[in-house]
Amino acid sequence: MFGFINKGLGKTAEAIKHIVPKKKLKISKDELEDILLETDVEYELVEVILREIYTDEVSREQLESKLLTALAYSDYKEPENISSPCVDLVIGVNGAGKTTTIAKLAARYKNQGDQVIFGASDTFRAAAIEQLDQWAKRLDVPIVSSKQGHDPSAVAYDAIESAKAKGFEHVIIDTAGRLHTQTNLANELKKIVRICDKAHSGAPHRKILVLDGTQGSSAIAQAKAFHEMIDIDAIIITKLDGTARGGSLFSIAYELKIPILYIGVGEQPEHLLVFDKYEFVSGLLDIIYFDEEETAADMAEQDENGMQHLSFEEKMKRLNQRIHNDGFDLLSKHFVREQSTWNEYRFAKNENTGVYEILERDGSVLRSYNIDEL
């Protein structure tokens, strides 16, 4: 689970370790408050989390539940039944990392074996056209562009038509981050959306907002403004690798209730990570909490006859397989998802019996597993 944190949020991890230098089984509420504020969680959300924890000390399970609740709306599902090409309309204020993010998306598509074309519809700034053109050359991606001041909707239309004629799978359209007035920007974005649909029914298939994750409440205000204009489908959060503000992800997800698609963790095309809320939360908790079961994973037990039992790690692998065979997927140490319905359930060890249980919301047991009998 450390992969996500190590790749992009190392400074956030360092900030947490400064408050909790050594792992613990439980932390105090004061320590939790310090951790959340230090990593840039908005204070309103910090108050909500602390208010809903009724004990003086906070366990891993308690905190995991609260953090995942804050990310409840962050899951992204790909649009279905799209006829090629898939059109991404990329939105964001200047300086958020929009152009670099477009390049990263193109690199991902190319690595999948797909062909992609750029549409340079930020015609308000000559520099924006030049920057996208440079990335197009670097990535060997064709680009449709025009001169500064030309109609951005026409550029979007031509890019889609070109992709259809050439049989390309993806179109990525850049847009202006600001105009002379907010009203002008809203009208322009709405017009681009309409023209995309005329060029290719259903387009744009994804209206993606790029947010600078270091901007805190300012980023949230930007997102709300863009969402009111054209109904954003997903968010990409950038620039978290350079600061200790990884906690801003919780505030952004909690406030906006818009799925988080990727996070940007560097300048290179490959520095775009799929956002997985379970991996993200588990990675943060692994920094804070000591897990007794992890110490047991490398130990082998002896039975009464001197025969060696399976190691704890091997038993957990068998448990994971049994859960999968029963129609569930293990999402983290404490949550599973039912394959047929995508409903999520708590997964916990019964401290009285030692049995692992899948639990309904009311606490009733849906499935139970004794790992010593697997």
Protein backbone atom coordinates (compact mmCIF):
# COMPACT_ATOMS: atom_id res chain seq x y z
CA MET A 1 0.00 0.00 0.00
CA PHE A 2 3.00 2.32 0.29
CA GLY A 3 3.36 2.50 -3.51
CA PHE A 4 0.82 5.27 -3.98
CA ILE A 5 2.30 7.33 -1.14
CA ASN A 6 5.93 6.79 -2.11
CA LYS A 7 5.33 7.69 -5.76
CA GLY A 8 3.53 10.93 -5.23
CA LEU A 9 3.00 11.97 -1.64
CA GLY A 10 6.36 11.55 0.05
CA LYS A 11 6.28 15.01 1.62
CA THR A 12 2.83 14.33 3.04
CA ALA A 13 4.23 11.16 4.62
CA GLU A 14 7.11 13.16 6.10
CA ALA A 15 4.68 15.65 7.63
CA ILE A 16 2.74 12.82 9.28
CA LYS A 17 5.92 11.22 10.63
CA HIS A 18 6.90 14.55 12.16
CA ILE A 19 3.75 14.37 14.31
CA VAL A 20 3.80 10.59 14.90
CA PRO A 21 7.47 9.52 14.57
CA LYS A 22 6.74 5.89 15.49
CA LYS A 23 3.79 3.73 14.58
CA LYS A 24 1.12 3.21 17.21
CA LEU A 25 -1.87 0.98 17.82
CA LYS A 26 -3.96 4.06 18.66
CA ILE A 27 -3.44 7.82 18.48
CA SER A 28 -4.96 10.63 20.50
CA LYS A 29 -7.54 12.98 19.06
CA ASP A 30 -5.05 15.82 19.42
CA GLU A 31 -2.54 13.92 17.29
CA LEU A 32 -5.21 13.19 14.70
CA GLU A 33 -6.21 16.85 14.55
CA ASP A 34 -2.57 17.85 14.06
CA ILE A 35 -2.11 15.28 11.28
CA LEU A 36 -5.22 16.39 9.40
CA LEU A 37 -4.45 20.10 9.64
CA GLU A 38 -0.76 19.64 8.81
CA THR A 39 -1.67 17.79 5.61
CA ASP A 40 -4.11 20.54 4.56
CA VAL A 41 -7.49 19.00 5.34
CA GLU A 42 -9.99 21.88 5.56
CA TYR A 43 -10.88 22.64 9.18
CA GLU A 44 -14.62 22.15 8.60
CA LEU A 45 -13.96 18.53 7.59
CA VAL A 46 -11.51 18.06 10.48
CA GLU A 47 -14.29 19.09 12.86
CA VAL A 48 -16.69 16.61 11.24
CA ILE A 49 -14.20 13.73 11.56
CA LEU A 50 -13.33 14.51 15.17
CA ARG A 51 -16.97 15.00 16.15
CA GLU A 52 -17.92 11.56 14.82
CA ILE A 53 -15.24 9.74 16.82
CA TYR A 54 -16.56 9.15 20.33
CA THR A 55 -13.43 7.79 22.02
CA ASP A 56 -10.38 9.64 23.37
CA GLU A 57 -8.04 7.42 21.38
CA VAL A 58 -8.49 6.59 17.70
CA SER A 59 -7.86 3.15 16.21
CA ARG A 60 -6.92 2.39 12.62
CA GLU A 61 -10.38 0.99 11.92
CA GLN A 62 -12.13 4.09 13.26
CA LEU A 63 -10.03 6.50 11.22
CA GLU A 64 -10.21 4.38 8.07
CA SER A 65 -14.00 4.46 8.19
CA LYS A 66 -14.10 8.27 8.55
CA LEU A 67 -11.54 8.93 5.80
CA LEU A 68 -13.29 6.63 3.34
CA THR A 69 -16.58 8.36 4.12
CA ALA A 70 -14.98 11.67 3.14
CA LEU A 71 -14.02 10.03 -0.19
CA ALA A 72 -17.42 8.42 -0.73
CA TYR A 73 -18.03 10.24 -4.03
CA SER A 74 -14.48 9.92 -5.40
CA ASP A 75 -15.01 6.66 -7.34
CA TYR A 76 -14.93 7.09 -11.09
CA LYS A 77 -16.77 4.87 -13.59
CA GLU A 78 -15.91 5.01 -17.27
CA PRO A 79 -18.74 6.15 -19.56
CA GLU A 80 -20.37 3.25 -21.37
CA ASN A 81 -21.28 2.63 -25.01
CA ILE A 82 -18.97 5.29 -26.43
CA SER A 83 -18.54 5.29 -30.18
CA SER A 84 -14.95 6.12 -31.13
CA PRO A 85 -13.38 8.60 -30.83
CA CYS A 86 -13.68 9.30 -27.10
CA VAL A 87 -13.53 13.05 -26.57
CA ASP A 88 -11.99 14.54 -23.41
CA LEU A 89 -12.65 18.23 -22.78
CA VAL A 90 -10.01 19.48 -20.34
CA ILE A 91 -10.83 22.51 -18.22
CA GLY A 92 -8.92 24.47 -15.57
CA VAL A 93 -7.48 27.83 -14.62
CA ASN A 94 -4.11 28.93 -15.93
CA GLY A 95 -1.27 27.55 -13.84
CA ALA A 96 -3.09 24.45 -12.60
CA GLY A 97 -1.01 22.16 -14.81
CA LYS A 98 -3.63 21.72 -17.53
CA THR A 99 -1.30 21.46 -20.54
CA THR A 100 1.06 19.04 -18.80
CA THR A 101 -1.91 16.92 -17.73
CA ILE A 102 -3.16 16.76 -21.31
CA ALA A 103 0.26 15.45 -22.33
CA LYS A 104 0.13 12.82 -19.57
CA LEU A 105 -3.31 11.66 -20.71
CA ALA A 106 -2.05 11.36 -24.28
CA ALA A 107 0.95 9.32 -23.12
CA ARG A 108 -1.36 6.93 -21.24
CA TYR A 109 -3.55 6.45 -24.30
CA LYS A 110 -0.54 5.86 -26.55
CA ASN A 111 0.88 3.33 -24.10
CA GLN A 112 -2.43 1.45 -24.39
CA GLY A 113 -1.89 1.28 -28.16
CA ASP A 114 -4.49 3.95 -28.98
CA GLN A 115 -4.11 6.92 -31.31
CA VAL A 116 -4.84 10.40 -30.03
CA ILE A 117 -5.12 13.92 -31.45
CA PHE A 118 -5.00 17.30 -29.67
CA GLY A 119 -7.40 20.20 -30.18
CA ALA A 120 -5.85 23.53 -29.12
CA SER A 121 -9.04 25.36 -28.18
CA ASP A 122 -7.38 27.75 -25.74
CA THR A 123 -7.15 30.44 -28.41
CA PHE A 124 -7.22 33.21 -25.79
CA ARG A 125 -3.48 32.81 -25.14
CA ALA A 126 -0.86 32.35 -27.85
CA ALA A 127 1.40 30.73 -25.24
CA ALA A 128 -1.17 27.99 -24.61
CA ILE A 129 -1.20 27.02 -28.28
CA GLU A 130 2.62 26.99 -28.37
CA GLN A 131 2.89 24.85 -25.22
CA LEU A 132 0.46 22.25 -26.51
CA ASP A 133 2.21 22.24 -29.89
CA GLN A 134 5.53 21.51 -28.15
CA TRP A 135 4.02 18.56 -26.30
CA ALA A 136 2.46 17.31 -29.53
CA LYS A 137 5.88 17.24 -31.18
CA ARG A 138 7.50 15.60 -28.16
CA LEU A 139 4.87 12.85 -27.99
CA ASP A 140 4.43 12.52 -31.75
CA VAL A 141 0.74 13.42 -31.49
CA PRO A 142 -1.06 15.33 -34.27
CA ILE A 143 -2.63 18.64 -33.30
CA VAL A 144 -5.37 20.83 -34.70
CA SER A 145 -4.80 24.51 -33.89
CA SER A 146 -5.37 28.01 -35.19
CA LYS A 147 -4.13 31.51 -34.47
CA GLN A 148 -4.76 33.42 -31.26
CA GLY A 149 -8.26 34.88 -31.14
CA HIS A 150 -9.88 32.38 -33.52
CA ASP A 151 -13.06 30.51 -32.64
CA PRO A 152 -12.17 27.75 -30.12
CA SER A 153 -15.34 25.80 -30.97
CA ALA A 154 -14.22 25.53 -34.59
CA VAL A 155 -10.89 24.06 -33.44
CA ALA A 156 -12.72 21.47 -31.32
CA TYR A 157 -14.99 20.57 -34.24
CA ASP A 158 -12.07 20.17 -36.64
CA ALA A 159 -10.12 18.03 -34.16
CA ILE A 160 -13.04 15.62 -33.76
CA GLU A 161 -13.65 15.47 -37.51
CA SER A 162 -9.97 14.73 -38.10
CA ALA A 163 -9.99 11.94 -35.52
CA LYS A 164 -13.09 10.38 -37.09
CA ALA A 165 -11.56 10.53 -40.57
CA LYS A 166 -8.30 8.94 -39.42
CA GLY A 167 -9.90 6.32 -37.16
CA PHE A 168 -8.29 7.67 -33.98
CA GLU A 169 -9.56 6.46 -30.60
CA HIS A 170 -9.09 9.67 -28.56
CA VAL A 171 -9.43 13.44 -28.88
CA ILE A 172 -8.14 15.71 -26.10
CA ILE A 173 -9.31 19.31 -26.29
CA ASP A 174 -7.62 22.11 -24.35
CA THR A 175 -9.72 25.10 -23.25
CA ALA A 176 -9.15 28.61 -21.95
CA GLY A 177 -8.57 29.00 -18.23
CA ARG A 178 -9.76 32.60 -18.19
CA LEU A 179 -11.31 35.21 -20.46
CA HIS A 180 -12.07 38.89 -20.02
CA THR A 181 -15.06 38.05 -17.82
CA GLN A 182 -16.46 34.98 -16.08
CA THR A 183 -19.59 35.24 -18.24
CA ASN A 184 -17.53 35.09 -21.43
CA LEU A 185 -15.70 32.00 -20.18
CA ALA A 186 -18.96 30.25 -19.25
CA ASN A 187 -20.50 31.04 -22.64
CA GLU A 188 -17.41 29.85 -24.51
CA LEU A 189 -17.23 26.53 -22.63
CA LYS A 190 -20.94 25.90 -23.14
CA LYS A 191 -20.55 26.59 -26.86
CA ILE A 192 -17.61 24.18 -27.14
CA VAL A 193 -19.69 21.48 -25.44
CA ARG A 194 -22.55 22.04 -27.93
CA ILE A 195 -20.25 21.98 -30.96
CA CYS A 196 -18.51 18.81 -29.75
CA ASP A 197 -21.89 17.10 -29.63
CA LYS A 198 -22.67 18.27 -33.17
CA ALA A 199 -19.35 16.91 -34.41
CA HIS A 200 -19.79 13.58 -32.63
CA SER A 201 -23.00 12.66 -30.81
CA GLY A 202 -22.47 12.35 -27.07
CA ALA A 203 -19.21 14.30 -27.07
CA PRO A 204 -17.51 15.47 -24.99
CA HIS A 205 -17.65 12.13 -23.23
CA ARG A 206 -15.65 13.41 -20.28
CA LYS A 207 -15.45 16.99 -19.05
CA ILE A 208 -12.31 16.82 -16.92
CA LEU A 209 -11.32 19.58 -14.50
CA VAL A 210 -7.64 19.98 -13.62
CA LEU A 211 -7.12 21.36 -10.10
CA ASP A 212 -3.94 22.49 -8.35
CA GLY A 213 -4.08 20.47 -5.12
CA THR A 214 -1.90 22.99 -3.28
CA GLN A 215 -4.52 25.75 -3.58
CA GLY A 216 -6.88 24.47 -0.87
CA SER A 217 -10.16 26.36 -0.62
CA SER A 218 -9.31 28.36 -3.76
CA ALA A 219 -9.25 25.14 -5.81
CA ILE A 220 -12.61 24.11 -4.36
CA ALA A 221 -14.12 27.49 -5.30
CA GLN A 222 -12.75 27.17 -8.85
CA ALA A 223 -14.23 23.70 -9.18
CA LYS A 224 -17.65 24.82 -8.01
CA ALA A 225 -17.63 27.66 -10.55
CA PHE A 226 -16.70 25.37 -13.46
CA HIS A 227 -19.18 22.72 -12.32
CA GLU A 228 -21.99 25.28 -12.44
CA MET A 229 -20.99 26.21 -15.98
CA ILE A 230 -20.82 22.78 -17.66
CA ASP A 231 -21.26 19.92 -15.13
CA ILE A 232 -17.79 18.48 -14.58
CA ASP A 233 -17.55 14.67 -14.89
CA ALA A 234 -14.20 14.05 -13.16
CA ILE A 235 -11.25 15.78 -11.55
CA ILE A 236 -7.49 15.42 -11.95
CA ILE A 237 -5.52 16.84 -9.03
CA THR A 238 -1.99 18.07 -9.71
CA LYS A 239 1.15 19.26 -7.90
CA LEU A 240 0.76 17.16 -4.75
CA ASP A 241 4.28 15.72 -5.06
CA GLY A 242 5.97 18.99 -4.15
CA THR A 243 4.12 19.75 -0.91
CA ALA A 244 2.83 18.11 2.28
CA ARG A 245 -0.78 18.90 1.33
CA GLY A 246 -1.97 15.42 0.35
CA GLY A 247 -4.86 15.78 2.78
CA SER A 248 -6.44 18.31 0.44
CA LEU A 249 -7.74 15.32 -1.54
CA PHE A 250 -10.19 14.63 1.29
CA SER A 251 -11.48 18.19 1.34
CA ILE A 252 -11.83 18.37 -2.44
CA ALA A 253 -13.70 15.05 -2.64
CA TYR A 254 -15.90 15.86 0.38
CA GLU A 255 -16.86 19.35 -0.78
CA LEU A 256 -17.35 18.70 -4.50
CA LYS A 257 -18.70 15.14 -4.58
CA ILE A 258 -17.14 14.72 -8.05
CA PRO A 259 -15.06 11.63 -8.92
CA ILE A 260 -11.26 11.90 -8.79
CA LEU A 261 -9.79 10.37 -11.92
CA TYR A 262 -6.02 10.77 -11.49
CA ILE A 263 -3.46 12.64 -9.43
CA GLY A 264 -0.42 14.26 -11.02
CA VAL A 265 2.83 13.62 -9.17
CA GLY A 266 5.51 15.15 -11.41
CA GLU A 267 6.28 16.75 -14.74
CA GLN A 268 6.94 13.68 -16.87
CA PRO A 269 4.23 12.02 -19.01
CA GLU A 270 4.27 8.88 -16.85
CA HIS A 271 3.63 10.86 -13.65
CA LEU A 272 -0.14 10.41 -13.67
CA LEU A 273 -1.53 7.91 -11.16
CA VAL A 274 -5.01 6.40 -11.13
CA PHE A 275 -6.67 7.49 -7.88
CA ASP A 276 -7.64 4.54 -5.69
CA LYS A 277 -9.25 5.69 -2.47
CA TYR A 278 -8.59 2.40 -0.68
CA GLU A 279 -4.91 2.38 -1.57
CA PHE A 280 -4.60 6.07 -0.70
CA VAL A 281 -6.21 5.72 2.73
CA SER A 282 -4.39 2.48 3.55
CA GLY A 283 -1.09 4.06 2.58
CA LEU A 284 -1.66 6.97 4.96
CA LEU A 285 -2.78 4.68 7.78
CA ASP A 286 0.28 2.46 7.30
CA ILE A 287 2.41 5.48 8.20
CA ILE A 288 0.50 6.10 11.43
CA TYR A 289 -0.50 2.70 12.76
CA PHE A 290 1.35 -0.42 13.81
CA ASP A 291 -0.48 -3.54 12.69
CA GLU A 292 0.09 -6.50 14.98
CA GLU A 293 -0.88 -8.93 12.25
CA GLU A 294 1.96 -7.72 10.05
CA THR A 295 4.49 -8.85 12.66
CA ALA A 296 2.89 -12.26 12.66
CA ALA A 297 3.06 -12.61 8.91
CA ASP A 298 6.66 -13.82 8.96
CA MET A 299 6.20 -16.25 11.84
CA ALA A 300 5.34 -19.94 11.50
CA GLU A 301 3.50 -21.74 14.27
CA GLN A 302 4.07 -25.29 15.50
CA ASP A 303 1.16 -27.60 16.27
CA GLU A 304 1.06 -30.14 19.07
CA ASN A 305 2.77 -32.79 16.91
CA GLY A 306 5.56 -30.46 15.88
CA MET A 307 4.10 -29.99 12.36
CA GLN A 308 4.53 -26.49 10.97
CA HIS A 309 1.35 -24.56 10.26
CA LEU A 310 0.96 -22.25 7.30
CA SER A 311 2.39 -18.80 7.94
CA PHE A 312 -0.09 -16.04 8.67
CA GLU A 313 0.66 -14.50 5.28
CA GLU A 314 -0.19 -17.74 3.46
CA LYS A 315 -3.39 -18.11 5.45
CA MET A 316 -4.45 -14.60 4.44
CA LYS A 317 -3.80 -15.40 0.79
CA ARG A 318 -6.12 -18.40 1.09
CA LEU A 319 -8.70 -16.24 2.85
CA ASN A 320 -8.52 -13.69 0.05
CA GLN A 321 -9.13 -16.46 -2.51
CA ARG A 322 -12.07 -17.86 -0.52
CA ILE A 323 -13.64 -14.39 -0.29
CA HIS A 324 -13.22 -13.96 -4.06
CA ASN A 325 -14.82 -17.37 -4.71
CA ASP A 326 -17.76 -16.31 -2.55
CA GLY A 327 -18.39 -13.35 -4.86
CA PHE A 328 -16.49 -10.56 -3.06
CA ASP A 329 -13.30 -8.58 -3.74
CA LEU A 330 -11.04 -7.46 -0.90
CA LEU A 331 -10.62 -3.68 -1.32
CA SER A 332 -8.49 -3.04 1.75
CA LYS A 333 -7.81 -4.57 5.14
CA HIS A 334 -11.26 -3.55 6.31
CA PHE A 335 -13.57 -3.39 3.29
CA VAL A 336 -14.88 -5.76 0.60
CA ARG A 337 -17.04 -5.21 -2.46
CA GLU A 338 -19.69 -7.64 -3.73
CA GLN A 339 -18.92 -8.50 -7.36
CA SER A 340 -22.52 -8.70 -8.52
CA THR A 341 -23.88 -5.53 -6.94
CA TRP A 342 -20.78 -3.41 -6.15
CA ASN A 343 -22.13 -2.96 -2.63
CA GLU A 344 -19.35 -2.38 -0.10
CA TYR A 345 -19.20 -4.08 3.31
CA ARG A 346 -17.03 -3.89 6.40
CA PHE A 347 -14.49 -6.70 6.80
CA ALA A 348 -13.20 -7.22 10.33
CA LYS A 349 -11.73 -9.73 12.72
CA ASN A 350 -14.01 -10.70 15.61
CA GLU A 351 -11.71 -10.18 18.60
CA ASN A 352 -13.71 -12.62 20.72
CA THR A 353 -13.67 -15.57 18.32
CA GLY A 354 -10.73 -14.77 16.03
CA VAL A 355 -13.03 -15.29 13.02
CA TYR A 356 -12.97 -12.86 10.09
CA GLU A 357 -16.41 -11.51 9.18
CA ILE A 358 -18.09 -9.61 6.35
CA LEU A 359 -20.58 -7.33 8.05
CA GLU A 360 -23.81 -5.67 7.00
CA ARG A 361 -24.31 -1.98 7.87
CA ASP A 362 -26.34 -2.99 10.94
CA GLY A 363 -23.48 -5.19 12.19
CA SER A 364 -25.06 -8.52 11.27
CA VAL A 365 -22.70 -11.13 9.84
CA LEU A 366 -23.01 -11.78 6.10
CA ARG A 367 -20.07 -14.23 5.85
CA SER A 368 -17.55 -15.59 8.35
CA TYR A 369 -14.16 -17.26 7.88
CA ASN A 370 -11.88 -19.12 10.27
CA ILE A 371 -8.43 -18.89 8.70
CA ASP A 372 -7.17 -21.89 10.71
CA GLU A 373 -9.71 -24.07 8.87
CA LEU A 374 -8.92 -22.92 5.34
